[in-house]
């Protein structure tokens, strides 16, 4: 019984995470030439709602009983603006060191990525969140997680229902704020 209470966490981990991403705010700054040739400047902050999803795969290491460092990569959609392939590093803190017990967790996730369009555009994101881990066995864990996510990207610009080509864009940046709710399995 003492052995079960002192079970050590595996050193290496891997798994998958699925999230609902509910974007609720955005800020844009865009400057471009319209199809008719005149210059258009847009500076807009708005409350909005866009439902998206993301799937992430991760590999990580447990340096001790209360911490995990993992590399995450996958596929997401940023507020219906563009698809992205995010790559991030996540630092997770667990609040109970017994490996066979359920426990609370919190995490910080920072990273970059790119859009898989013809013209690759960078995207940056950060998450701060928490959740609860259910321990199914020494290796298998199910996490219910939630976070606030900020994403910076250069979305496609449509003006009068017409796509503005990159050659006519002088400035294009947008920040999206979202709430994520998801489930993760770690092996």
Protein backbone atom coordinates (compact mmCIF):
# COMPACT_ATOMS: atom_id res chain seq x y z
CA UNK A 1 0.00 0.00 0.00
CA UNK A 2 2.86 2.40 0.79
CA UNK A 3 4.24 1.64 -2.66
CA UNK A 4 0.96 2.78 -4.30
CA UNK A 5 0.96 6.04 -2.32
CA UNK A 6 4.54 6.78 -3.41
CA UNK A 7 4.13 5.77 -7.08
CA UNK A 8 6.37 7.91 -9.25
CA UNK A 9 5.19 9.71 -12.31
CA UNK A 10 6.55 8.38 -15.63
CA UNK A 11 9.46 10.49 -16.91
CA UNK A 12 8.17 10.87 -20.51
CA UNK A 13 4.56 11.60 -21.52
CA UNK A 14 2.55 11.89 -24.73
CA UNK A 15 -1.07 12.35 -25.65
CA UNK A 16 -3.75 14.40 -27.35
CA UNK A 17 -6.03 17.31 -26.46
CA UNK A 18 -9.32 18.46 -28.02
CA UNK A 19 -10.63 21.97 -27.32
CA UNK A 20 -13.67 24.07 -28.08
CA UNK A 21 -12.43 27.62 -28.76
CA UNK A 22 -15.00 30.38 -28.25
CA UNK A 23 -13.60 33.68 -29.53
CA UNK A 24 -15.27 36.62 -27.83
CA UNK A 25 -13.15 39.71 -28.67
CA UNK A 26 -10.91 40.97 -31.45
CA UNK A 27 -8.74 43.95 -32.28
CA UNK A 28 -7.64 44.68 -35.86
CA UNK A 29 -5.38 47.15 -37.55
CA UNK A 30 -5.38 46.99 -41.34
CA UNK A 31 -4.27 49.33 -44.09
CA UNK A 32 -4.63 48.40 -47.76
CA UNK A 33 -5.61 49.57 -51.24
CA UNK A 34 -9.16 48.73 -52.26
CA UNK A 35 -9.96 47.06 -55.62
CA UNK A 36 -10.90 50.57 -56.86
CA UNK A 37 -7.44 51.92 -55.95
CA UNK A 38 -8.13 54.12 -52.92
CA UNK A 39 -6.46 53.54 -49.57
CA UNK A 40 -8.51 52.03 -46.70
CA UNK A 41 -7.55 52.10 -43.04
CA UNK A 42 -9.33 49.95 -40.48
CA UNK A 43 -8.73 50.14 -36.75
CA UNK A 44 -11.42 48.18 -34.95
CA UNK A 45 -11.94 46.55 -31.55
CA UNK A 46 -15.11 44.56 -31.10
CA UNK A 47 -16.89 41.97 -29.03
CA UNK A 48 -17.80 39.07 -31.24
CA UNK A 49 -18.51 35.37 -31.09
CA UNK A 50 -16.94 32.66 -33.19
CA UNK A 51 -16.98 28.95 -32.37
CA UNK A 52 -13.98 26.93 -33.41
CA UNK A 53 -12.14 23.80 -32.43
CA UNK A 54 -8.59 22.63 -32.14
CA UNK A 55 -6.79 19.33 -31.82
CA UNK A 56 -3.31 19.18 -30.30
CA UNK A 57 -0.79 16.39 -29.81
CA UNK A 58 1.90 16.58 -27.17
CA UNK A 59 5.13 14.98 -25.98
CA UNK A 60 6.65 15.96 -22.68
CA UNK A 61 8.86 15.27 -19.73
CA UNK A 62 8.21 15.29 -15.97
CA UNK A 63 11.30 16.80 -14.28
CA UNK A 64 9.73 16.06 -10.85
CA UNK A 65 6.43 15.00 -9.30
CA UNK A 66 4.72 18.42 -9.61
CA UNK A 67 5.83 19.72 -13.04
CA UNK A 68 5.51 18.78 -16.70
CA UNK A 69 7.11 20.49 -19.72
CA UNK A 70 5.58 19.51 -23.06
CA UNK A 71 5.75 20.44 -26.73
CA UNK A 72 2.29 20.82 -28.32
CA UNK A 73 1.46 20.88 -32.04
CA UNK A 74 -1.77 20.43 -33.96
CA UNK A 75 -4.44 22.22 -35.96
CA UNK A 76 -6.71 25.12 -35.05
CA UNK A 77 -8.94 27.75 -36.59
CA UNK A 78 -8.54 31.32 -35.39
CA UNK A 79 -11.94 33.04 -35.15
CA UNK A 80 -13.03 31.94 -38.64
CA UNK A 81 -10.21 34.12 -39.99
CA UNK A 82 -7.68 31.48 -40.97
CA UNK A 83 -6.52 27.97 -40.17
CA UNK A 84 -3.27 27.58 -38.30
CA UNK A 85 -0.79 24.93 -37.25
CA UNK A 86 0.27 25.98 -33.73
CA UNK A 87 3.49 24.84 -32.07
CA UNK A 88 3.89 25.72 -28.40
CA UNK A 89 5.67 24.90 -25.18
CA UNK A 90 3.49 24.28 -22.12
CA UNK A 91 4.58 24.36 -18.50
CA UNK A 92 2.10 22.56 -16.21
CA UNK A 93 2.04 22.57 -12.39
CA UNK A 94 0.21 19.81 -10.48
CA UNK A 95 -0.98 20.51 -6.95
CA UNK A 96 -0.62 17.04 -5.45
CA UNK A 97 2.41 14.81 -5.97
CA UNK A 98 0.82 11.35 -5.57
CA UNK A 99 0.72 9.94 -9.09
CA UNK A 100 -2.32 7.73 -8.45
CA UNK A 101 -4.51 10.56 -7.09
CA UNK A 102 -6.80 13.01 -8.87
CA UNK A 103 -5.47 16.58 -8.68
CA UNK A 104 -5.81 20.21 -9.72
CA UNK A 105 -3.45 21.69 -12.30
CA UNK A 106 -2.59 25.04 -13.89
CA UNK A 107 -0.53 25.83 -16.98
CA UNK A 108 1.12 28.48 -19.13
CA UNK A 109 1.37 27.81 -22.87
CA UNK A 110 3.36 30.04 -25.28
CA UNK A 111 4.13 29.44 -28.90
CA UNK A 112 4.09 30.25 -32.54
CA UNK A 113 3.04 28.53 -35.69
CA UNK A 114 2.00 29.24 -39.24
CA UNK A 115 -1.00 29.25 -41.51
CA UNK A 116 -1.07 26.47 -44.13
CA UNK A 117 -2.22 28.81 -46.91
CA UNK A 118 -0.32 29.36 -50.15
CA UNK A 119 1.39 32.33 -48.50
CA UNK A 120 2.67 31.26 -45.09
CA UNK A 121 1.76 33.78 -42.40
CA UNK A 122 3.08 33.62 -38.85
CA UNK A 123 0.79 33.35 -35.86
CA UNK A 124 1.60 33.64 -32.18
CA UNK A 125 -0.48 32.48 -29.25
CA UNK A 126 -0.48 32.23 -25.51
CA UNK A 127 -2.75 30.49 -23.01
CA UNK A 128 -3.10 30.60 -19.27
CA UNK A 129 -5.37 28.03 -17.77
CA UNK A 130 -6.14 25.29 -15.35
CA UNK A 131 -8.10 22.15 -14.85
CA UNK A 132 -8.54 18.89 -13.05
CA UNK A 133 -6.70 15.61 -13.69
CA UNK A 134 -8.34 12.22 -13.24
CA UNK A 135 -5.79 9.45 -12.72
CA UNK A 136 -6.95 6.23 -14.40
CA UNK A 137 -3.64 4.41 -13.81
CA UNK A 138 0.00 5.21 -13.22
CA UNK A 139 0.42 6.23 -16.90
CA UNK A 140 -3.09 7.06 -18.17
CA UNK A 141 -4.64 10.42 -17.20
CA UNK A 142 -7.70 12.37 -18.35
CA UNK A 143 -7.57 16.16 -17.91
CA UNK A 144 -10.51 18.56 -18.10
CA UNK A 145 -8.96 21.94 -18.97
CA UNK A 146 -9.99 25.52 -19.60
CA UNK A 147 -7.99 28.62 -20.52
CA UNK A 148 -7.95 32.16 -21.82
CA UNK A 149 -6.19 32.25 -25.19
CA UNK A 150 -4.70 35.21 -27.08
CA UNK A 151 -3.83 34.74 -30.76
CA UNK A 152 -1.97 37.16 -33.03
CA UNK A 153 -2.30 36.60 -36.75
CA UNK A 154 -2.46 38.30 -40.14
CA UNK A 155 -5.90 37.31 -41.42
CA UNK A 156 -7.14 37.44 -44.99
CA UNK A 157 -8.71 40.81 -45.82
CA UNK A 158 -12.01 40.99 -47.65
CA UNK A 159 -13.36 44.35 -48.82
CA UNK A 160 -16.76 44.53 -50.55
CA UNK A 161 -16.72 40.69 -50.60
CA UNK A 162 -13.47 40.68 -52.57
CA UNK A 163 -10.18 39.21 -51.31
CA UNK A 164 -7.42 41.83 -51.17
CA UNK A 165 -4.12 40.46 -52.58
CA UNK A 166 -0.97 40.64 -50.43
CA UNK A 167 0.61 43.12 -52.86
CA UNK A 168 -2.07 45.72 -51.93
CA UNK A 169 -1.76 45.30 -48.15
CA UNK A 170 0.40 47.78 -46.24
CA UNK A 171 -0.47 46.70 -42.68
CA UNK A 172 -2.40 43.72 -41.39
CA UNK A 173 -2.54 42.51 -37.80
CA UNK A 174 -5.21 41.12 -35.51
CA UNK A 175 -5.43 39.86 -31.94
CA UNK A 176 -8.21 37.46 -30.93
CA UNK A 177 -9.20 36.59 -27.36
CA UNK A 178 -10.92 33.28 -26.70
CA UNK A 179 -12.09 30.97 -23.94
CA UNK A 180 -11.11 27.33 -24.44
CA UNK A 181 -12.69 24.29 -22.84
CA UNK A 182 -11.30 20.85 -23.55
CA UNK A 183 -10.37 17.33 -22.64
CA UNK A 184 -6.91 15.78 -22.79
CA UNK A 185 -5.58 12.26 -22.52
CA UNK A 186 -2.01 11.71 -21.37
CA UNK A 187 -0.21 8.39 -21.56
